[in-house]
Amino acid sequence: MPKYIFAYHGGGMPESEEEQAQHMAAWGEWMGSLGASMVDQGAPTSIAKTVTQGGVADGGGANPVSGYGLVEAANIDAAAEMAKGCPIVTLSGGSVEVAETFEIPMG
């Protein structure tokens, strides 16, 4: 089955311990609802550098990645449907970029 990366953009850190607990519970529920489709729950990201042919710059560009995950789905539309319930969208005002991955034969 094809794999899709969820690149999380934006969102913010909860301000209170109560809000943090609410967000963590929402992430746990959402990931749990995906079951075996969630191949790699990923992780949030912190500081970034952007590497180009011209050099290395601080930051992640215009829309930096704030985390990632990896799911299996029948097609990109099914993966996008899964992403709709992501707490970065429903609670934090961020977005999820969904892209199909593919293997490159090496050797």
PDB file of N, CA and C in Angstrom:
ATOM      1  N   MET A   1       0.843  -1.170   0.000  1.00  0.00           N
ATOM      2  CA  MET A   1       0.000   0.000   0.000  1.00  0.00           C
ATOM      3  C   MET A   1       0.898   1.246   0.000  1.00  0.00           C
ATOM      4  N   PRO A   2       0.520   2.284  -0.745  1.00  0.00           N
ATOM      5  CA  PRO A   2       1.344   3.501  -0.795  1.00  0.00           C
ATOM      6  C   PRO A   2       1.466   4.180   0.572  1.00  0.00           C
ATOM      7  N   LYS A   3       2.588   4.878   0.751  1.00  0.00           N
ATOM      8  CA  LYS A   3       2.821   5.631   1.982  1.00  0.00           C
ATOM      9  C   LYS A   3       2.783   7.123   1.664  1.00  0.00           C
ATOM     10  N   TYR A   4       2.295   7.879   2.633  1.00  0.00           N
ATOM     11  CA  TYR A   4       2.156   9.323   2.480  1.00  0.00           C
ATOM     12  C   TYR A   4       2.754  10.018   3.691  1.00  0.00           C
ATOM     13  N   ILE A   5       3.537  11.048   3.417  1.00  0.00           N
ATOM     14  CA  ILE A   5       4.069  11.841   4.514  1.00  0.00           C
ATOM     15  C   ILE A   5       3.074  12.943   4.834  1.00  0.00           C
ATOM     16  N   PHE A   6       2.870  13.168   6.108  1.00  0.00           N
ATOM     17  CA  PHE A   6       2.109  14.306   6.593  1.00  0.00           C
ATOM     18  C   PHE A   6       3.145  15.321   7.080  1.00  0.00           C
ATOM     19  N   ALA A   7       3.286  16.432   6.397  1.00  0.00           N
ATOM     20  CA  ALA A   7       4.182  17.504   6.828  1.00  0.00           C
ATOM     21  C   ALA A   7       3.310  18.545   7.519  1.00  0.00           C
ATOM     22  N   TYR A   8       3.501  18.694   8.823  1.00  0.00           N
ATOM     23  CA  TYR A   8       2.694  19.618   9.609  1.00  0.00           C
ATOM     24  C   TYR A   8       3.308  21.006   9.522  1.00  0.00           C
ATOM     25  N   HIS A   9       2.461  22.013   9.291  1.00  0.00           N
ATOM     26  CA  HIS A   9       2.903  23.400   9.185  1.00  0.00           C
ATOM     27  C   HIS A   9       2.098  24.253  10.160  1.00  0.00           C
ATOM     28  N   GLY A  10       2.794  25.152  10.830  1.00  0.00           N
ATOM     29  CA  GLY A  10       2.114  26.113  11.694  1.00  0.00           C
ATOM     30  C   GLY A  10       1.649  25.502  12.993  1.00  0.00           C
ATOM     31  N   GLY A  11       0.568  26.074  13.507  1.00  0.00           N
ATOM     32  CA  GLY A  11       0.095  25.656  14.814  1.00  0.00           C
ATOM     33  C   GLY A  11       0.927  26.361  15.873  1.00  0.00           C
ATOM     34  N   GLY A  12       0.598  26.135  17.093  1.00  0.00           N
ATOM     35  CA  GLY A  12       1.332  26.775  18.174  1.00  0.00           C
ATOM     36  C   GLY A  12       1.356  25.895  19.395  1.00  0.00           C
ATOM     37  N   MET A  13       2.208  26.246  20.317  1.00  0.00           N
ATOM     38  CA  MET A  13       2.311  25.496  21.564  1.00  0.00           C
ATOM     39  C   MET A  13       1.183  25.941  22.496  1.00  0.00           C
ATOM     40  N   PRO A  14       0.523  24.992  23.155  1.00  0.00           N
ATOM     41  CA  PRO A  14      -0.503  25.350  24.134  1.00  0.00           C
ATOM     42  C   PRO A  14       0.101  26.209  25.245  1.00  0.00           C
ATOM     43  N   GLU A  15      -0.699  27.145  25.744  1.00  0.00           N
ATOM     44  CA  GLU A  15      -0.173  28.096  26.730  1.00  0.00           C
ATOM     45  C   GLU A  15      -0.291  27.616  28.172  1.00  0.00           C
ATOM     46  N   SER A  16      -1.279  26.798  28.474  1.00  0.00           N
ATOM     47  CA  SER A  16      -1.448  26.339  29.856  1.00  0.00           C
ATOM     48  C   SER A  16      -1.271  24.824  29.929  1.00  0.00           C
ATOM     49  N   GLU A  17      -1.076  24.321  31.142  1.00  0.00           N
ATOM     50  CA  GLU A  17      -0.957  22.866  31.319  1.00  0.00           C
ATOM     51  C   GLU A  17      -2.254  22.176  30.927  1.00  0.00           C
ATOM     52  N   GLU A  18      -3.375  22.789  31.208  1.00  0.00           N
ATOM     53  CA  GLU A  18      -4.677  22.218  30.846  1.00  0.00           C
ATOM     54  C   GLU A  18      -4.823  22.132  29.331  1.00  0.00           C
ATOM     55  N   GLU A  19      -4.439  23.197  28.644  1.00  0.00           N
ATOM     56  CA  GLU A  19      -4.495  23.210  27.187  1.00  0.00           C
ATOM     57  C   GLU A  19      -3.525  22.188  26.602  1.00  0.00           C
ATOM     58  N   GLN A  20      -2.347  22.056  27.198  1.00  0.00           N
ATOM     59  CA  GLN A  20      -1.371  21.074  26.741  1.00  0.00           C
ATOM     60  C   GLN A  20      -1.930  19.660  26.879  1.00  0.00           C
ATOM     61  N   ALA A  21      -2.573  19.373  28.001  1.00  0.00           N
ATOM     62  CA  ALA A  21      -3.173  18.051  28.215  1.00  0.00           C
ATOM     63  C   ALA A  21      -4.266  17.791  27.187  1.00  0.00           C
ATOM     64  N   GLN A  22      -5.062  18.815  26.877  1.00  0.00           N
ATOM     65  CA  GLN A  22      -6.131  18.685  25.882  1.00  0.00           C
ATOM     66  C   GLN A  22      -5.546  18.364  24.506  1.00  0.00           C
ATOM     67  N   HIS A  23      -4.482  19.069  24.136  1.00  0.00           N
ATOM     68  CA  HIS A  23      -3.856  18.837  22.831  1.00  0.00           C
ATOM     69  C   HIS A  23      -3.229  17.450  22.755  1.00  0.00           C
ATOM     70  N   MET A  24      -2.532  17.043  23.801  1.00  0.00           N
ATOM     71  CA  MET A  24      -1.907  15.719  23.806  1.00  0.00           C
ATOM     72  C   MET A  24      -2.966  14.623  23.706  1.00  0.00           C
ATOM     73  N   ALA A  25      -4.082  14.797  24.411  1.00  0.00           N
ATOM     74  CA  ALA A  25      -5.170  13.820  24.332  1.00  0.00           C
ATOM     75  C   ALA A  25      -5.735  13.770  22.919  1.00  0.00           C
ATOM     76  N   ALA A  26      -5.888  14.933  22.292  1.00  0.00           N
ATOM     77  CA  ALA A  26      -6.417  14.986  20.925  1.00  0.00           C
ATOM     78  C   ALA A  26      -5.475  14.286  19.950  1.00  0.00           C
ATOM     79  N   TRP A  27      -4.163  14.510  20.106  1.00  0.00           N
ATOM     80  CA  TRP A  27      -3.196  13.832  19.241  1.00  0.00           C
ATOM     81  C   TRP A  27      -3.269  12.317  19.445  1.00  0.00           C
ATOM     82  N   GLY A  28      -3.356  11.885  20.695  1.00  0.00           N
ATOM     83  CA  GLY A  28      -3.454  10.451  20.990  1.00  0.00           C
ATOM     84  C   GLY A  28      -4.703   9.828  20.392  1.00  0.00           C
ATOM     85  N   GLU A  29      -5.831  10.521  20.511  1.00  0.00           N
ATOM     86  CA  GLU A  29      -7.094  10.015  19.947  1.00  0.00           C
ATOM     87  C   GLU A  29      -7.015   9.945  18.429  1.00  0.00           C
ATOM     88  N   TRP A  30      -6.490  10.996  17.808  1.00  0.00           N
ATOM     89  CA  TRP A  30      -6.411  11.024  16.344  1.00  0.00           C
ATOM     90  C   TRP A  30      -5.489   9.921  15.835  1.00  0.00           C
ATOM     91  N   MET A  31      -4.303   9.799  16.419  1.00  0.00           N
ATOM     92  CA  MET A  31      -3.373   8.751  15.983  1.00  0.00           C
ATOM     93  C   MET A  31      -3.961   7.371  16.232  1.00  0.00           C
ATOM     94  N   GLY A  32      -4.639   7.207  17.364  1.00  0.00           N
ATOM     95  CA  GLY A  32      -5.287   5.932  17.659  1.00  0.00           C
ATOM     96  C   GLY A  32      -6.367   5.597  16.652  1.00  0.00           C
ATOM     97  N   SER A  33      -7.086   6.625  16.178  1.00  0.00           N
ATOM     98  CA  SER A  33      -8.161   6.385  15.204  1.00  0.00           C
ATOM     99  C   SER A  33      -7.620   5.918  13.858  1.00  0.00           C
ATOM    100  N   LEU A  34      -6.355   6.228  13.575  1.00  0.00           N
ATOM    101  CA  LEU A  34      -5.745   5.801  12.312  1.00  0.00           C
ATOM    102  C   LEU A  34      -5.258   4.357  12.368  1.00  0.00           C
ATOM    103  N   GLY A  35      -5.119   3.806  13.570  1.00  0.00           N
ATOM    104  CA  GLY A  35      -4.732   2.410  13.742  1.00  0.00           C
ATOM    105  C   GLY A  35      -3.434   2.085  13.027  1.00  0.00           C
ATOM    106  N   ALA A  36      -3.425   0.955  12.331  1.00  0.00           N
ATOM    107  CA  ALA A  36      -2.228   0.469  11.648  1.00  0.00           C
ATOM    108  C   ALA A  36      -1.834   1.334  10.450  1.00  0.00           C
ATOM    109  N   SER A  37      -2.733   2.239  10.022  1.00  0.00           N
ATOM    110  CA  SER A  37      -2.395   3.139   8.914  1.00  0.00           C
ATOM    111  C   SER A  37      -1.289   4.105   9.297  1.00  0.00           C
ATOM    112  N   MET A  38      -1.159   4.413  10.597  1.00  0.00           N
ATOM    113  CA  MET A  38      -0.102   5.310  11.066  1.00  0.00           C
ATOM    114  C   MET A  38       1.173   4.487  11.169  1.00  0.00           C
ATOM    115  N   VAL A  39       1.992   4.546  10.132  1.00  0.00           N
ATOM    116  CA  VAL A  39       3.211   3.753  10.037  1.00  0.00           C
ATOM    117  C   VAL A  39       4.301   4.302  10.954  1.00  0.00           C
ATOM    118  N   ASP A  40       4.397   5.626  11.022  1.00  0.00           N
ATOM    119  CA  ASP A  40       5.404   6.294  11.853  1.00  0.00           C
ATOM    120  C   ASP A  40       4.741   7.555  12.394  1.00  0.00           C
ATOM    121  N   GLN A  41       4.563   7.620  13.714  1.00  0.00           N
ATOM    122  CA  GLN A  41       3.857   8.772  14.273  1.00  0.00           C
ATOM    123  C   GLN A  41       4.669  10.054  14.134  1.00  0.00           C
ATOM    124  N   GLY A  42       5.926   9.948  13.773  1.00  0.00           N
ATOM    125  CA  GLY A  42       6.741  11.123  13.524  1.00  0.00           C
ATOM    126  C   GLY A  42       7.098  11.863  14.794  1.00  0.00           C
ATOM    127  N   ALA A  43       7.330  13.165  14.641  1.00  0.00           N
ATOM    128  CA  ALA A  43       7.746  13.990  15.761  1.00  0.00           C
ATOM    129  C   ALA A  43       7.618  15.458  15.386  1.00  0.00           C
ATOM    130  N   PRO A  44       7.514  16.313  16.397  1.00  0.00           N
ATOM    131  CA  PRO A  44       7.581  17.744  16.108  1.00  0.00           C
ATOM    132  C   PRO A  44       9.020  18.125  15.758  1.00  0.00           C
ATOM    133  N   THR A  45       9.179  19.282  15.146  1.00  0.00           N
ATOM    134  CA  THR A  45      10.514  19.772  14.820  1.00  0.00           C
ATOM    135  C   THR A  45      10.760  21.080  15.568  1.00  0.00           C
ATOM    136  N   SER A  46      12.018  21.476  15.642  1.00  0.00           N
ATOM    137  CA  SER A  46      12.347  22.745  16.295  1.00  0.00           C
ATOM    138  C   SER A  46      13.100  23.629  15.298  1.00  0.00           C
ATOM    139  N   ILE A  47      14.239  24.156  15.665  1.00  0.00           N
ATOM    140  CA  ILE A  47      14.947  25.080  14.780  1.00  0.00           C
ATOM    141  C   ILE A  47      15.282  24.417  13.451  1.00  0.00           C
ATOM    142  N   ALA A  48      15.359  25.226  12.413  1.00  0.00           N
ATOM    143  CA  ALA A  48      15.614  24.698  11.075  1.00  0.00           C
ATOM    144  C   ALA A  48      16.646  25.553  10.357  1.00  0.00           C
ATOM    145  N   LYS A  49      17.278  24.950   9.400  1.00  0.00           N
ATOM    146  CA  LYS A  49      18.164  25.642   8.470  1.00  0.00           C
ATOM    147  C   LYS A  49      17.740  25.199   7.074  1.00  0.00           C
ATOM    148  N   THR A  50      17.819  26.102   6.140  1.00  0.00           N
ATOM    149  CA  THR A  50      17.492  25.792   4.757  1.00  0.00           C
ATOM    150  C   THR A  50      18.791  25.763   3.957  1.00  0.00           C
ATOM    151  N   VAL A  51      19.045  24.636   3.301  1.00  0.00           N
ATOM    152  CA  VAL A  51      20.274  24.442   2.541  1.00  0.00           C
ATOM    153  C   VAL A  51      19.940  24.525   1.053  1.00  0.00           C
ATOM    154  N   THR A  52      20.618  25.425   0.348  1.00  0.00           N
ATOM    155  CA  THR A  52      20.459  25.566  -1.096  1.00  0.00           C
ATOM    156  C   THR A  52      21.839  25.589  -1.732  1.00  0.00           C
ATOM    157  N   GLN A  53      21.871  25.614  -3.032  1.00  0.00           N
ATOM    158  CA  GLN A  53      23.149  25.684  -3.733  1.00  0.00           C
ATOM    159  C   GLN A  53      23.899  26.963  -3.349  1.00  0.00           C
ATOM    160  N   GLY A  54      23.141  28.007  -2.967  1.00  0.00           N
ATOM    161  CA  GLY A  54      23.747  29.276  -2.599  1.00  0.00           C
ATOM    162  C   GLY A  54      24.260  29.337  -1.175  1.00  0.00           C
ATOM    163  N   GLY A  55      23.967  28.327  -0.358  1.00  0.00           N
ATOM    164  CA  GLY A  55      24.451  28.338   1.008  1.00  0.00           C
ATOM    165  C   GLY A  55      23.427  27.826   1.997  1.00  0.00           C
ATOM    166  N   VAL A  56      23.626  28.206   3.259  1.00  0.00           N
ATOM    167  CA  VAL A  56      22.775  27.757   4.354  1.00  0.00           C
ATOM    168  C   VAL A  56      22.189  28.989   5.030  1.00  0.00           C
ATOM    169  N   ALA A  57      20.852  28.986   5.219  1.00  0.00           N
ATOM    170  CA  ALA A  57      20.169  30.103   5.863  1.00  0.00           C
ATOM    171  C   ALA A  57      19.397  29.609   7.076  1.00  0.00           C
ATOM    172  N   ASP A  58      19.278  30.447   8.079  1.00  0.00           N
ATOM    173  CA  ASP A  58      18.477  30.114   9.247  1.00  0.00           C
ATOM    174  C   ASP A  58      17.001  30.092   8.868  1.00  0.00           C
ATOM    175  N   GLY A  59      16.252  29.217   9.518  1.00  0.00           N
ATOM    176  CA  GLY A  59      14.808  29.150   9.309  1.00  0.00           C
ATOM    177  C   GLY A  59      14.423  28.118   8.274  1.00  0.00           C
ATOM    178  N   GLY A  60      13.153  27.881   8.205  1.00  0.00           N
ATOM    179  CA  GLY A  60      12.622  26.868   7.302  1.00  0.00           C
ATOM    180  C   GLY A  60      11.897  27.438   6.105  1.00  0.00           C
ATOM    181  N   GLY A  61      12.219  28.646   5.722  1.00  0.00           N
ATOM    182  CA  GLY A  61      11.586  29.245   4.564  1.00  0.00           C
ATOM    183  C   GLY A  61      10.236  29.868   4.901  1.00  0.00           C
ATOM    184  N   ALA A  62       9.411  30.072   3.882  1.00  0.00           N
ATOM    185  CA  ALA A  62       8.137  30.778   4.034  1.00  0.00           C
ATOM    186  C   ALA A  62       7.110  29.996   4.850  1.00  0.00           C
ATOM    187  N   ASN A  63       7.158  28.683   4.792  1.00  0.00           N
ATOM    188  CA  ASN A  63       6.174  27.845   5.483  1.00  0.00           C
ATOM    189  C   ASN A  63       6.903  26.676   6.139  1.00  0.00           C
ATOM    190  N   PRO A  64       7.614  26.920   7.241  1.00  0.00           N
ATOM    191  CA  PRO A  64       8.447  25.869   7.827  1.00  0.00           C
ATOM    192  C   PRO A  64       7.650  24.678   8.351  1.00  0.00           C
ATOM    193  N   VAL A  65       8.274  23.537   8.291  1.00  0.00           N
ATOM    194  CA  VAL A  65       7.672  22.302   8.812  1.00  0.00           C
ATOM    195  C   VAL A  65       7.740  22.343  10.337  1.00  0.00           C
ATOM    196  N   SER A  66       6.616  22.002  10.992  1.00  0.00           N
ATOM    197  CA  SER A  66       6.607  21.966  12.457  1.00  0.00           C
ATOM    198  C   SER A  66       6.552  20.532  12.982  1.00  0.00           C
ATOM    199  N   GLY A  67       6.487  19.555  12.074  1.00  0.00           N
ATOM    200  CA  GLY A  67       6.492  18.156  12.455  1.00  0.00           C
ATOM    201  C   GLY A  67       6.135  17.296  11.253  1.00  0.00           C
ATOM    202  N   TYR A  68       6.103  15.978  11.479  1.00  0.00           N
ATOM    203  CA  TYR A  68       5.784  15.061  10.386  1.00  0.00           C
ATOM    204  C   TYR A  68       5.183  13.774  10.933  1.00  0.00           C
ATOM    205  N   GLY A  69       4.557  13.011  10.064  1.00  0.00           N
ATOM    206  CA  GLY A  69       4.085  11.666  10.340  1.00  0.00           C
ATOM    207  C   GLY A  69       4.078  10.901   9.026  1.00  0.00           C
ATOM    208  N   LEU A  70       3.886   9.597   9.073  1.00  0.00           N
ATOM    209  CA  LEU A  70       3.864   8.765   7.873  1.00  0.00           C
ATOM    210  C   LEU A  70       2.718   7.779   7.986  1.00  0.00           C
ATOM    211  N   VAL A  71       1.850   7.766   6.966  1.00  0.00           N
ATOM    212  CA  VAL A  71       0.702   6.867   6.971  1.00  0.00           C
ATOM    213  C   VAL A  71       0.678   6.021   5.705  1.00  0.00           C
ATOM    214  N   GLU A  72      -0.057   4.917   5.778  1.00  0.00           N
ATOM    215  CA  GLU A  72      -0.370   4.121   4.592  1.00  0.00           C
ATOM    216  C   GLU A  72      -1.828   4.372   4.263  1.00  0.00           C
ATOM    217  N   ALA A  73      -2.117   4.529   2.976  1.00  0.00           N
ATOM    218  CA  ALA A  73      -3.499   4.749   2.532  1.00  0.00           C
ATOM    219  C   ALA A  73      -3.650   4.222   1.109  1.00  0.00           C
ATOM    220  N   ALA A  74      -4.891   3.979   0.717  1.00  0.00           N
ATOM    221  CA  ALA A  74      -5.165   3.446  -0.616  1.00  0.00           C
ATOM    222  C   ALA A  74      -4.767   4.431  -1.710  1.00  0.00           C
ATOM    223  N   ASN A  75      -4.935   5.736  -1.438  1.00  0.00           N
ATOM    224  CA  ASN A  75      -4.591   6.770  -2.413  1.00  0.00           C
ATOM    225  C   ASN A  75      -4.441   8.103  -1.685  1.00  0.00           C
ATOM    226  N   ILE A  76      -4.032   9.132  -2.411  1.00  0.00           N
ATOM    227  CA  ILE A  76      -3.776  10.423  -1.777  1.00  0.00           C
ATOM    228  C   ILE A  76      -5.050  11.054  -1.222  1.00  0.00           C
ATOM    229  N   ASP A  77      -6.186  10.802  -1.873  1.00  0.00           N
ATOM    230  CA  ASP A  77      -7.445  11.347  -1.351  1.00  0.00           C
ATOM    231  C   ASP A  77      -7.794  10.726   0.000  1.00  0.00           C
ATOM    232  N   ALA A  78      -7.546   9.429   0.148  1.00  0.00           N
ATOM    233  CA  ALA A  78      -7.798   8.766   1.427  1.00  0.00           C
ATOM    234  C   ALA A  78      -6.841   9.302   2.493  1.00  0.00           C
ATOM    235  N   ALA A  79      -5.593   9.551   2.125  1.00  0.00           N
ATOM    236  CA  ALA A  79      -4.627  10.108   3.071  1.00  0.00           C
ATOM    237  C   ALA A  79      -5.038  11.520   3.481  1.00  0.00           C
ATOM    238  N   ALA A  80      -5.492  12.319   2.536  1.00  0.00           N
ATOM    239  CA  ALA A  80      -5.944  13.683   2.850  1.00  0.00           C
ATOM    240  C   ALA A  80      -7.151  13.648   3.776  1.00  0.00           C
ATOM    241  N   GLU A  81      -8.017  12.686   3.589  1.00  0.00           N
ATOM    242  CA  GLU A  81      -9.177  12.537   4.472  1.00  0.00           C
ATOM    243  C   GLU A  81      -8.718  12.235   5.899  1.00  0.00           C
ATOM    244  N   MET A  82      -7.707  11.387   6.038  1.00  0.00           N
ATOM    245  CA  MET A  82      -7.149  11.091   7.360  1.00  0.00           C
ATOM    246  C   MET A  82      -6.604  12.363   8.008  1.00  0.00           C
ATOM    247  N   ALA A  83      -5.941  13.192   7.205  1.00  0.00           N
ATOM    248  CA  ALA A  83      -5.287  14.394   7.725  1.00  0.00           C
ATOM    249  C   ALA A  83      -6.287  15.429   8.227  1.00  0.00           C
ATOM    250  N   LYS A  84      -7.511  15.391   7.750  1.00  0.00           N
ATOM    251  CA  LYS A  84      -8.520  16.372   8.161  1.00  0.00           C
ATOM    252  C   LYS A  84      -8.756  16.369   9.667  1.00  0.00           C
ATOM    253  N   GLY A  85      -8.573  15.228  10.314  1.00  0.00           N
ATOM    254  CA  GLY A  85      -8.810  15.134  11.749  1.00  0.00           C
ATOM    255  C   GLY A  85      -7.596  15.473  12.601  1.00  0.00           C
ATOM    256  N   CYS A  86      -6.471  15.831  11.978  1.00  0.00           N
ATOM    257  CA  CYS A  86      -5.242  16.113  12.706  1.00  0.00           C
ATOM    258  C   CYS A  86      -5.425  17.328  13.617  1.00  0.00           C
ATOM    259  N   PRO A  87      -5.017  17.205  14.887  1.00  0.00           N
ATOM    260  CA  PRO A  87      -5.158  18.326  15.819  1.00  0.00           C
ATOM    261  C   PRO A  87      -4.429  19.605  15.409  1.00  0.00           C
ATOM    262  N   ILE A  88      -3.410  19.508  14.578  1.00  0.00           N
ATOM    263  CA  ILE A  88      -2.765  20.751  14.145  1.00  0.00           C
ATOM    264  C   ILE A  88      -3.736  21.559  13.284  1.00  0.00           C
ATOM    265  N   VAL A  89      -4.685  20.863  12.645  1.00  0.00           N
ATOM    266  CA  VAL A  89      -5.726  21.525  11.853  1.00  0.00           C
ATOM    267  C   VAL A  89      -6.912  21.910  12.744  1.00  0.00           C
ATOM    268  N   THR A  90      -7.385  20.943  13.533  1.00  0.00           N
ATOM    269  CA  THR A  90      -8.621  21.148  14.291  1.00  0.00           C
ATOM    270  C   THR A  90      -8.451  22.010  15.533  1.00  0.00           C
ATOM    271  N   LEU A  91      -7.263  22.028  16.143  1.00  0.00           N
ATOM    272  CA  LEU A  91      -7.056  22.777  17.387  1.00  0.00           C
ATOM    273  C   LEU A  91      -6.075  23.938  17.268  1.00  0.00           C
ATOM    274  N   SER A  92      -5.115  23.830  16.367  1.00  0.00           N
ATOM    275  CA  SER A  92      -4.001  24.782  16.369  1.00  0.00           C
ATOM    276  C   SER A  92      -3.988  25.761  15.202  1.00  0.00           C
ATOM    277  N   GLY A  93      -4.900  25.605  14.257  1.00  0.00           N
ATOM    278  CA  GLY A  93      -4.940  26.531  13.134  1.00  0.00           C
ATOM    279  C   GLY A  93      -3.841  26.335  12.108  1.00  0.00           C
ATOM    280  N   GLY A  94      -3.165  25.191  12.153  1.00  0.00           N
ATOM    281  CA  GLY A  94      -2.109  24.904  11.193  1.00  0.00           C
ATOM    282  C   GLY A  94      -2.650  24.129  10.004  1.00  0.00           C
ATOM    283  N   SER A  95      -1.753  23.526   9.259  1.00  0.00           N
ATOM    284  CA  SER A  95      -2.147  22.758   8.081  1.00  0.00           C
ATOM    285  C   SER A  95      -1.303  21.488   7.979  1.00  0.00           C
ATOM    286  N   VAL A  96      -1.777  20.563   7.157  1.00  0.00           N
ATOM    287  CA  VAL A  96      -1.049  19.322   6.883  1.00  0.00           C
ATOM    288  C   VAL A  96      -0.855  19.213   5.381  1.00  0.00           C
ATOM    289  N   GLU A  97       0.386  19.133   4.962  1.00  0.00           N
ATOM    290  CA  GLU A  97       0.703  18.882   3.565  1.00  0.00           C
ATOM    291  C   GLU A  97       0.816  17.378   3.405  1.00  0.00           C
ATOM    292  N   VAL A  98       0.106  16.808   2.440  1.00  0.00           N
ATOM    293  CA  VAL A  98       0.087  15.362   2.212  1.00  0.00           C
ATOM    294  C   VAL A  98       0.796  15.083   0.890  1.00  0.00           C
ATOM    295  N   ALA A  99       1.808  14.211   0.918  1.00  0.00           N
ATOM    296  CA  ALA A  99       2.548  13.879  -0.301  1.00  0.00           C
ATOM    297  C   ALA A  99       2.860  12.392  -0.316  1.00  0.00           C
ATOM    298  N   GLU A 100       2.664  11.779  -1.477  1.00  0.00           N
ATOM    299  CA  GLU A 100       2.982  10.357  -1.619  1.00  0.00           C
ATOM    300  C   GLU A 100       4.496  10.177  -1.680  1.00  0.00           C
ATOM    301  N   THR A 101       4.966   9.142  -0.991  1.00  0.00           N
ATOM    302  CA  THR A 101       6.368   8.770  -1.072  1.00  0.00           C
ATOM    303  C   THR A 101       6.496   7.587  -2.021  1.00  0.00           C
ATOM    304  N   PHE A 102       7.688   7.351  -2.517  1.00  0.00           N
ATOM    305  CA  PHE A 102       7.919   6.169  -3.344  1.00  0.00           C
ATOM    306  C   PHE A 102       9.357   5.741  -3.179  1.00  0.00           C
ATOM    307  N   GLU A 103       9.575   4.474  -3.382  1.00  0.00           N
ATOM    308  CA  GLU A 103      10.916   3.932  -3.214  1.00  0.00           C
ATOM    309  C   GLU A 103      11.679   4.024  -4.526  1.00  0.00           C
ATOM    310  N   ILE A 104      12.957   4.312  -4.392  1.00  0.00           N
ATOM    311  CA  ILE A 104      13.847   4.357  -5.545  1.00  0.00           C
ATOM    312  C   ILE A 104      14.769   3.153  -5.454  1.00  0.00           C
ATOM    313  N   PRO A 105      14.753   2.292  -6.457  1.00  0.00           N
ATOM    314  CA  PRO A 105      15.640   1.118  -6.411  1.00  0.00           C
ATOM    315  C   PRO A 105      17.112   1.566  -6.378  1.00  0.00           C
ATOM    316  N   MET A 106      17.822   1.057  -5.428  1.00  0.00           N
ATOM    317  CA  MET A 106      19.231   1.395  -5.301  1.00  0.00           C
ATOM    318  C   MET A 106      20.059   0.171  -5.690  1.00  0.00           C
ATOM    319  N   GLY A 107      20.919   0.368  -6.617  1.00  0.00           N
ATOM    320  CA  GLY A 107      21.838  -0.701  -6.891  1.00  0.00           C
ATOM    321  C   GLY A 107      21.650  -1.335  -8.191  1.00  0.00           C
TER     322      GLY A 107
END
